[in-house]
Amino acid sequence: MPSSPEPFRMLIQDVFTVDRSVLIAGRVESGVICGGDVIEISGDGQSITATVARVEFLCWRGVGDPFACAGDNAALRLKQVRSDQVRIGWIATA
């Protein structure tokens, strides 16, 4: 997994539920994110903390645990988050 001097940041472009898990999707603007990382999701004066259960995206590199870095379009499967707690247009950071 590559390292990045910049912190993770992603604008949420979609929120959906698959198999009772909430996924947030968007393009990673900076940094690197992988499963197990704790992120903060904020917008509209609200903020929640979530743990990334898994990074999912169409072009998995096929080696090791999936991760996403700047420029990747990715979906983050979140632990213990409901779809009504996050919104399109909010920002995910680590």
PDB file of N, CA and C in Angstrom:
ATOM      1  N   MET A   1       0.851  -1.182   0.000  1.00  0.00           N
ATOM      2  CA  MET A   1       0.000   0.000   0.000  1.00  0.00           C
ATOM      3  C   MET A   1       0.893   1.241   0.000  1.00  0.00           C
ATOM      4  N   PRO A   2       0.626   2.177  -0.889  1.00  0.00           N
ATOM      5  CA  PRO A   2       1.430   3.401  -0.918  1.00  0.00           C
ATOM      6  C   PRO A   2       1.105   4.302   0.266  1.00  0.00           C
ATOM      7  N   SER A   3       2.061   5.112   0.647  1.00  0.00           N
ATOM      8  CA  SER A   3       1.797   6.085   1.705  1.00  0.00           C
ATOM      9  C   SER A   3       1.571   7.438   1.049  1.00  0.00           C
ATOM     10  N   SER A   4       0.990   8.348   1.810  1.00  0.00           N
ATOM     11  CA  SER A   4       0.697   9.672   1.269  1.00  0.00           C
ATOM     12  C   SER A   4       0.983  10.715   2.342  1.00  0.00           C
ATOM     13  N   PRO A   5       1.631  11.809   1.964  1.00  0.00           N
ATOM     14  CA  PRO A   5       1.885  12.858   2.952  1.00  0.00           C
ATOM     15  C   PRO A   5       0.618  13.645   3.292  1.00  0.00           C
ATOM     16  N   GLU A   6      -0.409  13.528   2.444  1.00  0.00           N
ATOM     17  CA  GLU A   6      -1.647  14.256   2.672  1.00  0.00           C
ATOM     18  C   GLU A   6      -2.674  13.360   3.345  1.00  0.00           C
ATOM     19  N   PRO A   7      -3.563  13.936   4.170  1.00  0.00           N
ATOM     20  CA  PRO A   7      -4.612  13.138   4.803  1.00  0.00           C
ATOM     21  C   PRO A   7      -5.685  12.728   3.792  1.00  0.00           C
ATOM     22  N   PHE A   8      -6.385  11.638   4.108  1.00  0.00           N
ATOM     23  CA  PHE A   8      -7.465  11.156   3.259  1.00  0.00           C
ATOM     24  C   PHE A   8      -8.602  12.170   3.212  1.00  0.00           C
ATOM     25  N   ARG A   9      -9.144  12.349   2.001  1.00  0.00           N
ATOM     26  CA  ARG A   9     -10.294  13.238   1.806  1.00  0.00           C
ATOM     27  C   ARG A   9     -11.077  12.752   0.591  1.00  0.00           C
ATOM     28  N   MET A  10     -12.410  12.634   0.764  1.00  0.00           N
ATOM     29  CA  MET A  10     -13.269  12.207  -0.333  1.00  0.00           C
ATOM     30  C   MET A  10     -14.620  12.900  -0.230  1.00  0.00           C
ATOM     31  N   LEU A  11     -15.070  13.493  -1.331  1.00  0.00           N
ATOM     32  CA  LEU A  11     -16.409  14.058  -1.412  1.00  0.00           C
ATOM     33  C   LEU A  11     -17.372  12.906  -1.674  1.00  0.00           C
ATOM     34  N   ILE A  12     -18.426  12.811  -0.874  1.00  0.00           N
ATOM     35  CA  ILE A  12     -19.387  11.721  -1.029  1.00  0.00           C
ATOM     36  C   ILE A  12     -20.319  12.043  -2.201  1.00  0.00           C
ATOM     37  N   GLN A  13     -20.285  11.189  -3.213  1.00  0.00           N
ATOM     38  CA  GLN A  13     -21.093  11.382  -4.411  1.00  0.00           C
ATOM     39  C   GLN A  13     -22.301  10.458  -4.454  1.00  0.00           C
ATOM     40  N   ASP A  14     -22.310   9.433  -3.601  1.00  0.00           N
ATOM     41  CA  ASP A  14     -23.446   8.520  -3.544  1.00  0.00           C
ATOM     42  C   ASP A  14     -23.446   7.800  -2.202  1.00  0.00           C
ATOM     43  N   VAL A  15     -24.637   7.492  -1.716  1.00  0.00           N
ATOM     44  CA  VAL A  15     -24.820   6.726  -0.481  1.00  0.00           C
ATOM     45  C   VAL A  15     -25.821   5.630  -0.801  1.00  0.00           C
ATOM     46  N   PHE A  16     -25.466   4.382  -0.534  1.00  0.00           N
ATOM     47  CA  PHE A  16     -26.399   3.301  -0.804  1.00  0.00           C
ATOM     48  C   PHE A  16     -26.197   2.169   0.188  1.00  0.00           C
ATOM     49  N   THR A  17     -27.168   1.255   0.212  1.00  0.00           N
ATOM     50  CA  THR A  17     -27.152   0.126   1.136  1.00  0.00           C
ATOM     51  C   THR A  17     -27.073  -1.175   0.337  1.00  0.00           C
ATOM     52  N   VAL A  18     -26.148  -2.046   0.728  1.00  0.00           N
ATOM     53  CA  VAL A  18     -25.997  -3.357   0.111  1.00  0.00           C
ATOM     54  C   VAL A  18     -25.854  -4.366   1.244  1.00  0.00           C
ATOM     55  N   ASP A  19     -26.711  -5.380   1.247  1.00  0.00           N
ATOM     56  CA  ASP A  19     -26.660  -6.419   2.285  1.00  0.00           C
ATOM     57  C   ASP A  19     -26.638  -5.816   3.684  1.00  0.00           C
ATOM     58  N   ARG A  20     -27.483  -4.833   3.923  1.00  0.00           N
ATOM     59  CA  ARG A  20     -27.623  -4.151   5.217  1.00  0.00           C
ATOM     60  C   ARG A  20     -26.400  -3.341   5.629  1.00  0.00           C
ATOM     61  N   SER A  21     -25.452  -3.142   4.723  1.00  0.00           N
ATOM     62  CA  SER A  21     -24.289  -2.304   5.010  1.00  0.00           C
ATOM     63  C   SER A  21     -24.407  -1.012   4.216  1.00  0.00           C
ATOM     64  N   VAL A  22     -23.985   0.081   4.829  1.00  0.00           N
ATOM     65  CA  VAL A  22     -23.988   1.374   4.145  1.00  0.00           C
ATOM     66  C   VAL A  22     -22.657   1.571   3.442  1.00  0.00           C
ATOM     67  N   LEU A  23     -22.729   1.983   2.192  1.00  0.00           N
ATOM     68  CA  LEU A  23     -21.542   2.308   1.411  1.00  0.00           C
ATOM     69  C   LEU A  23     -21.624   3.769   0.990  1.00  0.00           C
ATOM     70  N   ILE A  24     -20.493   4.452   1.086  1.00  0.00           N
ATOM     71  CA  ILE A  24     -20.390   5.801   0.546  1.00  0.00           C
ATOM     72  C   ILE A  24     -19.421   5.729  -0.623  1.00  0.00           C
ATOM     73  N   ALA A  25     -19.743   6.418  -1.696  1.00  0.00           N
ATOM     74  CA  ALA A  25     -18.920   6.334  -2.898  1.00  0.00           C
ATOM     75  C   ALA A  25     -18.502   7.717  -3.350  1.00  0.00           C
ATOM     76  N   GLY A  26     -17.340   7.783  -3.968  1.00  0.00           N
ATOM     77  CA  GLY A  26     -16.845   9.040  -4.504  1.00  0.00           C
ATOM     78  C   GLY A  26     -15.438   8.873  -5.039  1.00  0.00           C
ATOM     79  N   ARG A  27     -14.846   9.978  -5.427  1.00  0.00           N
ATOM     80  CA  ARG A  27     -13.469   9.977  -5.928  1.00  0.00           C
ATOM     81  C   ARG A  27     -12.559  10.465  -4.808  1.00  0.00           C
ATOM     82  N   VAL A  28     -11.535   9.703  -4.499  1.00  0.00           N
ATOM     83  CA  VAL A  28     -10.587  10.074  -3.446  1.00  0.00           C
ATOM     84  C   VAL A  28      -9.781  11.281  -3.933  1.00  0.00           C
ATOM     85  N   GLU A  29      -9.880  12.382  -3.203  1.00  0.00           N
ATOM     86  CA  GLU A  29      -9.188  13.611  -3.580  1.00  0.00           C
ATOM     87  C   GLU A  29      -7.734  13.617  -3.124  1.00  0.00           C
ATOM     88  N   SER A  30      -7.475  13.045  -1.939  1.00  0.00           N
ATOM     89  CA  SER A  30      -6.106  13.003  -1.426  1.00  0.00           C
ATOM     90  C   SER A  30      -5.981  11.877  -0.410  1.00  0.00           C
ATOM     91  N   GLY A  31      -4.744  11.459  -0.178  1.00  0.00           N
ATOM     92  CA  GLY A  31      -4.472  10.454   0.835  1.00  0.00           C
ATOM     93  C   GLY A  31      -4.752   9.033   0.384  1.00  0.00           C
ATOM     94  N   VAL A  32      -4.724   8.134   1.366  1.00  0.00           N
ATOM     95  CA  VAL A  32      -4.924   6.704   1.154  1.00  0.00           C
ATOM     96  C   VAL A  32      -5.881   6.211   2.232  1.00  0.00           C
ATOM     97  N   ILE A  33      -6.761   5.265   1.883  1.00  0.00           N
ATOM     98  CA  ILE A  33      -7.708   4.705   2.846  1.00  0.00           C
ATOM     99  C   ILE A  33      -7.743   3.185   2.664  1.00  0.00           C
ATOM    100  N   CYS A  34      -7.861   2.462   3.775  1.00  0.00           N
ATOM    101  CA  CYS A  34      -7.985   1.010   3.693  1.00  0.00           C
ATOM    102  C   CYS A  34      -8.914   0.538   4.804  1.00  0.00           C
ATOM    103  N   GLY A  35      -9.298  -0.731   4.736  1.00  0.00           N
ATOM    104  CA  GLY A  35     -10.177  -1.304   5.741  1.00  0.00           C
ATOM    105  C   GLY A  35      -9.579  -1.188   7.127  1.00  0.00           C
ATOM    106  N   GLY A  36     -10.422  -0.872   8.109  1.00  0.00           N
ATOM    107  CA  GLY A  36      -9.978  -0.710   9.485  1.00  0.00           C
ATOM    108  C   GLY A  36      -9.689   0.728   9.862  1.00  0.00           C
ATOM    109  N   ASP A  37      -9.531   1.599   8.874  1.00  0.00           N
ATOM    110  CA  ASP A  37      -9.269   3.010   9.170  1.00  0.00           C
ATOM    111  C   ASP A  37     -10.521   3.681   9.736  1.00  0.00           C
ATOM    112  N   VAL A  38     -10.317   4.618  10.622  1.00  0.00           N
ATOM    113  CA  VAL A  38     -11.413   5.405  11.193  1.00  0.00           C
ATOM    114  C   VAL A  38     -11.487   6.721  10.430  1.00  0.00           C
ATOM    115  N   ILE A  39     -12.698   7.081  10.004  1.00  0.00           N
ATOM    116  CA  ILE A  39     -12.895   8.316   9.256  1.00  0.00           C
ATOM    117  C   ILE A  39     -13.933   9.190   9.948  1.00  0.00           C
ATOM    118  N   GLU A  40     -13.919  10.465   9.605  1.00  0.00           N
ATOM    119  CA  GLU A  40     -14.945  11.397  10.065  1.00  0.00           C
ATOM    120  C   GLU A  40     -15.720  11.844   8.844  1.00  0.00           C
ATOM    121  N   ILE A  41     -17.041  11.803   8.958  1.00  0.00           N
ATOM    122  CA  ILE A  41     -17.920  12.234   7.876  1.00  0.00           C
ATOM    123  C   ILE A  41     -18.644  13.477   8.380  1.00  0.00           C
ATOM    124  N   SER A  42     -18.531  14.579   7.635  1.00  0.00           N
ATOM    125  CA  SER A  42     -19.118  15.823   8.116  1.00  0.00           C
ATOM    126  C   SER A  42     -19.804  16.592   6.997  1.00  0.00           C
ATOM    127  N   GLY A  43     -20.795  17.370   7.415  1.00  0.00           N
ATOM    128  CA  GLY A  43     -21.539  18.225   6.505  1.00  0.00           C
ATOM    129  C   GLY A  43     -22.766  18.767   7.201  1.00  0.00           C
ATOM    130  N   ASP A  44     -23.275  19.893   6.723  1.00  0.00           N
ATOM    131  CA  ASP A  44     -24.472  20.526   7.293  1.00  0.00           C
ATOM    132  C   ASP A  44     -24.359  20.751   8.802  1.00  0.00           C
ATOM    133  N   GLY A  45     -23.152  21.024   9.286  1.00  0.00           N
ATOM    134  CA  GLY A  45     -22.948  21.263  10.709  1.00  0.00           C
ATOM    135  C   GLY A  45     -22.984  20.009  11.561  1.00  0.00           C
ATOM    136  N   GLN A  46     -23.032  18.848  10.939  1.00  0.00           N
ATOM    137  CA  GLN A  46     -23.059  17.584  11.665  1.00  0.00           C
ATOM    138  C   GLN A  46     -21.779  16.803  11.379  1.00  0.00           C
ATOM    139  N   SER A  47     -21.486  15.854  12.258  1.00  0.00           N
ATOM    140  CA  SER A  47     -20.291  15.043  12.078  1.00  0.00           C
ATOM    141  C   SER A  47     -20.488  13.693  12.749  1.00  0.00           C
ATOM    142  N   ILE A  48     -20.048  12.626  12.083  1.00  0.00           N
ATOM    143  CA  ILE A  48     -20.052  11.303  12.705  1.00  0.00           C
ATOM    144  C   ILE A  48     -18.700  10.642  12.451  1.00  0.00           C
ATOM    145  N   THR A  49     -18.360   9.710  13.309  1.00  0.00           N
ATOM    146  CA  THR A  49     -17.140   8.931  13.151  1.00  0.00           C
ATOM    147  C   THR A  49     -17.546   7.524  12.745  1.00  0.00           C
ATOM    148  N   ALA A  50     -16.810   6.949  11.807  1.00  0.00           N
ATOM    149  CA  ALA A  50     -17.132   5.610  11.324  1.00  0.00           C
ATOM    150  C   ALA A  50     -15.843   4.831  11.067  1.00  0.00           C
ATOM    151  N   THR A  51     -15.968   3.520  11.095  1.00  0.00           N
ATOM    152  CA  THR A  51     -14.854   2.645  10.754  1.00  0.00           C
ATOM    153  C   THR A  51     -15.117   2.049   9.377  1.00  0.00           C
ATOM    154  N   VAL A  52     -14.096   2.072   8.538  1.00  0.00           N
ATOM    155  CA  VAL A  52     -14.212   1.489   7.206  1.00  0.00           C
ATOM    156  C   VAL A  52     -14.063  -0.026   7.339  1.00  0.00           C
ATOM    157  N   ALA A  53     -15.107  -0.758   6.989  1.00  0.00           N
ATOM    158  CA  ALA A  53     -15.049  -2.211   7.050  1.00  0.00           C
ATOM    159  C   ALA A  53     -14.266  -2.759   5.865  1.00  0.00           C
ATOM    160  N   ARG A  54     -14.452  -2.132   4.704  1.00  0.00           N
ATOM    161  CA  ARG A  54     -13.799  -2.617   3.487  1.00  0.00           C
ATOM    162  C   ARG A  54     -13.829  -1.533   2.421  1.00  0.00           C
ATOM    163  N   VAL A  55     -12.801  -1.496   1.613  1.00  0.00           N
ATOM    164  CA  VAL A  55     -12.748  -0.607   0.453  1.00  0.00           C
ATOM    165  C   VAL A  55     -13.154  -1.433  -0.761  1.00  0.00           C
ATOM    166  N   GLU A  56     -14.140  -0.935  -1.504  1.00  0.00           N
ATOM    167  CA  GLU A  56     -14.610  -1.659  -2.680  1.00  0.00           C
ATOM    168  C   GLU A  56     -14.612  -0.725  -3.884  1.00  0.00           C
ATOM    169  N   PHE A  57     -14.160  -1.231  -5.016  1.00  0.00           N
ATOM    170  CA  PHE A  57     -14.204  -0.456  -6.247  1.00  0.00           C
ATOM    171  C   PHE A  57     -14.048  -1.384  -7.433  1.00  0.00           C
ATOM    172  N   LEU A  58     -14.354  -0.891  -8.606  1.00  0.00           N
ATOM    173  CA  LEU A  58     -14.403  -1.740  -9.788  1.00  0.00           C
ATOM    174  C   LEU A  58     -13.035  -2.261 -10.213  1.00  0.00           C
ATOM    175  N   CYS A  59     -12.002  -1.495 -10.027  1.00  0.00           N
ATOM    176  CA  CYS A  59     -10.670  -1.884 -10.512  1.00  0.00           C
ATOM    177  C   CYS A  59      -9.762  -2.256  -9.355  1.00  0.00           C
ATOM    178  N   TRP A  60     -10.073  -3.368  -8.672  1.00  0.00           N
ATOM    179  CA  TRP A  60      -9.224  -3.818  -7.577  1.00  0.00           C
ATOM    180  C   TRP A  60      -7.879  -4.241  -8.148  1.00  0.00           C
ATOM    181  N   ARG A  61      -6.825  -3.877  -7.487  1.00  0.00           N
ATOM    182  CA  ARG A  61      -5.476  -4.143  -7.980  1.00  0.00           C
ATOM    183  C   ARG A  61      -5.108  -5.623  -7.923  1.00  0.00           C
ATOM    184  N   GLY A  62      -5.864  -6.420  -7.148  1.00  0.00           N
ATOM    185  CA  GLY A  62      -5.657  -7.855  -7.115  1.00  0.00           C
ATOM    186  C   GLY A  62      -4.531  -8.332  -6.222  1.00  0.00           C
ATOM    187  N   VAL A  63      -3.919  -7.440  -5.452  1.00  0.00           N
ATOM    188  CA  VAL A  63      -2.805  -7.817  -4.594  1.00  0.00           C
ATOM    189  C   VAL A  63      -3.070  -7.284  -3.192  1.00  0.00           C
ATOM    190  N   GLY A  64      -3.022  -8.142  -2.193  1.00  0.00           N
ATOM    191  CA  GLY A  64      -3.198  -7.703  -0.813  1.00  0.00           C
ATOM    192  C   GLY A  64      -4.599  -7.195  -0.525  1.00  0.00           C
ATOM    193  N   ASP A  65      -4.739  -6.510   0.599  1.00  0.00           N
ATOM    194  CA  ASP A  65      -6.028  -5.943   0.982  1.00  0.00           C
ATOM    195  C   ASP A  65      -6.347  -4.752   0.100  1.00  0.00           C
ATOM    196  N   PRO A  66      -7.617  -4.595  -0.291  1.00  0.00           N
ATOM    197  CA  PRO A  66      -7.987  -3.447  -1.114  1.00  0.00           C
ATOM    198  C   PRO A  66      -7.742  -2.124  -0.384  1.00  0.00           C
ATOM    199  N   PHE A  67      -7.270  -1.143  -1.120  1.00  0.00           N
ATOM    200  CA  PHE A  67      -7.104   0.209  -0.599  1.00  0.00           C
ATOM    201  C   PHE A  67      -7.409   1.171  -1.727  1.00  0.00           C
ATOM    202  N   ALA A  68      -7.648   2.410  -1.394  1.00  0.00           N
ATOM    203  CA  ALA A  68      -7.898   3.430  -2.413  1.00  0.00           C
ATOM    204  C   ALA A  68      -6.989   4.614  -2.128  1.00  0.00           C
ATOM    205  N   CYS A  69      -6.488   5.220  -3.187  1.00  0.00           N
ATOM    206  CA  CYS A  69      -5.627   6.393  -3.040  1.00  0.00           C
ATOM    207  C   CYS A  69      -6.115   7.492  -3.977  1.00  0.00           C
ATOM    208  N   ALA A  70      -5.499   8.653  -3.866  1.00  0.00           N
ATOM    209  CA  ALA A  70      -5.920   9.824  -4.628  1.00  0.00           C
ATOM    210  C   ALA A  70      -6.121   9.469  -6.094  1.00  0.00           C
ATOM    211  N   GLY A  71      -7.278   9.866  -6.626  1.00  0.00           N
ATOM    212  CA  GLY A  71      -7.620   9.614  -8.011  1.00  0.00           C
ATOM    213  C   GLY A  71      -8.520   8.414  -8.224  1.00  0.00           C
ATOM    214  N   ASP A  72      -8.611   7.520  -7.229  1.00  0.00           N
ATOM    215  CA  ASP A  72      -9.457   6.331  -7.367  1.00  0.00           C
ATOM    216  C   ASP A  72     -10.926   6.674  -7.118  1.00  0.00           C
ATOM    217  N   ASN A  73     -11.810   6.051  -7.888  1.00  0.00           N
ATOM    218  CA  ASN A  73     -13.239   6.064  -7.586  1.00  0.00           C
ATOM    219  C   ASN A  73     -13.480   4.845  -6.717  1.00  0.00           C
ATOM    220  N   ALA A  74     -13.989   5.057  -5.513  1.00  0.00           N
ATOM    221  CA  ALA A  74     -14.109   3.960  -4.562  1.00  0.00           C
ATOM    222  C   ALA A  74     -15.408   4.042  -3.783  1.00  0.00           C
ATOM    223  N   ALA A  75     -15.776   2.908  -3.215  1.00  0.00           N
ATOM    224  CA  ALA A  75     -16.896   2.842  -2.277  1.00  0.00           C
ATOM    225  C   ALA A  75     -16.340   2.303  -0.968  1.00  0.00           C
ATOM    226  N   LEU A  76     -16.710   2.940   0.115  1.00  0.00           N
ATOM    227  CA  LEU A  76     -16.260   2.518   1.436  1.00  0.00           C
ATOM    228  C   LEU A  76     -17.434   1.898   2.180  1.00  0.00           C
ATOM    229  N   ARG A  77     -17.297   0.630   2.552  1.00  0.00           N
ATOM    230  CA  ARG A  77     -18.327  -0.051   3.339  1.00  0.00           C
ATOM    231  C   ARG A  77     -18.079   0.314   4.795  1.00  0.00           C
ATOM    232  N   LEU A  78     -19.089   0.882   5.447  1.00  0.00           N
ATOM    233  CA  LEU A  78     -18.929   1.403   6.802  1.00  0.00           C
ATOM    234  C   LEU A  78     -19.552   0.483   7.838  1.00  0.00           C
ATOM    235  N   LYS A  79     -18.949   0.451   9.010  1.00  0.00           N
ATOM    236  CA  LYS A  79     -19.481  -0.316  10.135  1.00  0.00           C
ATOM    237  C   LYS A  79     -20.391   0.577  10.967  1.00  0.00           C
ATOM    238  N   GLN A  80     -21.510   0.030  11.401  1.00  0.00           N
ATOM    239  CA  GLN A  80     -22.421   0.658  12.360  1.00  0.00           C
ATOM    240  C   GLN A  80     -22.832   2.070  11.970  1.00  0.00           C
ATOM    241  N   VAL A  81     -23.161   2.269  10.694  1.00  0.00           N
ATOM    242  CA  VAL A  81     -23.654   3.551  10.205  1.00  0.00           C
ATOM    243  C   VAL A  81     -24.942   3.279   9.440  1.00  0.00           C
ATOM    244  N   ARG A  82     -25.954   4.115   9.658  1.00  0.00           N
ATOM    245  CA  ARG A  82     -27.216   4.019   8.922  1.00  0.00           C
ATOM    246  C   ARG A  82     -27.180   4.988   7.741  1.00  0.00           C
ATOM    247  N   SER A  83     -27.906   4.671   6.696  1.00  0.00           N
ATOM    248  CA  SER A  83     -27.903   5.515   5.499  1.00  0.00           C
ATOM    249  C   SER A  83     -28.467   6.902   5.761  1.00  0.00           C
ATOM    250  N   ASP A  84     -29.313   7.050   6.780  1.00  0.00           N
ATOM    251  CA  ASP A  84     -29.865   8.375   7.075  1.00  0.00           C
ATOM    252  C   ASP A  84     -28.895   9.259   7.873  1.00  0.00           C
ATOM    253  N   GLN A  85     -27.724   8.728   8.217  1.00  0.00           N
ATOM    254  CA  GLN A  85     -26.730   9.501   8.960  1.00  0.00           C
ATOM    255  C   GLN A  85     -25.748  10.234   8.056  1.00  0.00           C
ATOM    256  N   VAL A  86     -25.717   9.898   6.765  1.00  0.00           N
ATOM    257  CA  VAL A  86     -24.782  10.529   5.830  1.00  0.00           C
ATOM    258  C   VAL A  86     -25.544  11.005   4.596  1.00  0.00           C
ATOM    259  N   ARG A  87     -24.982  12.003   3.913  1.00  0.00           N
ATOM    260  CA  ARG A  87     -25.656  12.577   2.760  1.00  0.00           C
ATOM    261  C   ARG A  87     -24.672  12.833   1.616  1.00  0.00           C
ATOM    262  N   ILE A  88     -25.195  12.827   0.412  1.00  0.00           N
ATOM    263  CA  ILE A  88     -24.400  13.212  -0.762  1.00  0.00           C
ATOM    264  C   ILE A  88     -23.951  14.651  -0.577  1.00  0.00           C
ATOM    265  N   GLY A  89     -22.706  14.931  -0.916  1.00  0.00           N
ATOM    266  CA  GLY A  89     -22.151  16.269  -0.772  1.00  0.00           C
ATOM    267  C   GLY A  89     -21.350  16.466   0.494  1.00  0.00           C
ATOM    268  N   TRP A  90     -21.468  15.546   1.450  1.00  0.00           N
ATOM    269  CA  TRP A  90     -20.675  15.631   2.661  1.00  0.00           C
ATOM    270  C   TRP A  90     -19.253  15.182   2.351  1.00  0.00           C
ATOM    271  N   ILE A  91     -18.340  15.403   3.297  1.00  0.00           N
ATOM    272  CA  ILE A  91     -16.928  15.092   3.125  1.00  0.00           C
ATOM    273  C   ILE A  91     -16.508  14.000   4.117  1.00  0.00           C
ATOM    274  N   ALA A  92     -15.762  13.025   3.609  1.00  0.00           N
ATOM    275  CA  ALA A  92     -15.160  11.997   4.464  1.00  0.00           C
ATOM    276  C   ALA A  92     -13.667  12.299   4.567  1.00  0.00           C
ATOM    277  N   THR A  93     -13.165  12.339   5.802  1.00  0.00           N
ATOM    278  CA  THR A  93     -11.741  12.634   6.034  1.00  0.00           C
ATOM    279  C   THR A  93     -11.180  11.671   7.074  1.00  0.00           C
ATOM    280  N   ALA A  94      -9.854  11.557   7.078  1.00  0.00           N
ATOM    281  CA  ALA A  94      -9.197  10.730   8.093  1.00  0.00           C
ATOM    282  C   ALA A  94      -8.006  11.506   8.637  1.00  0.00           C
TER     283      ALA A  94
END
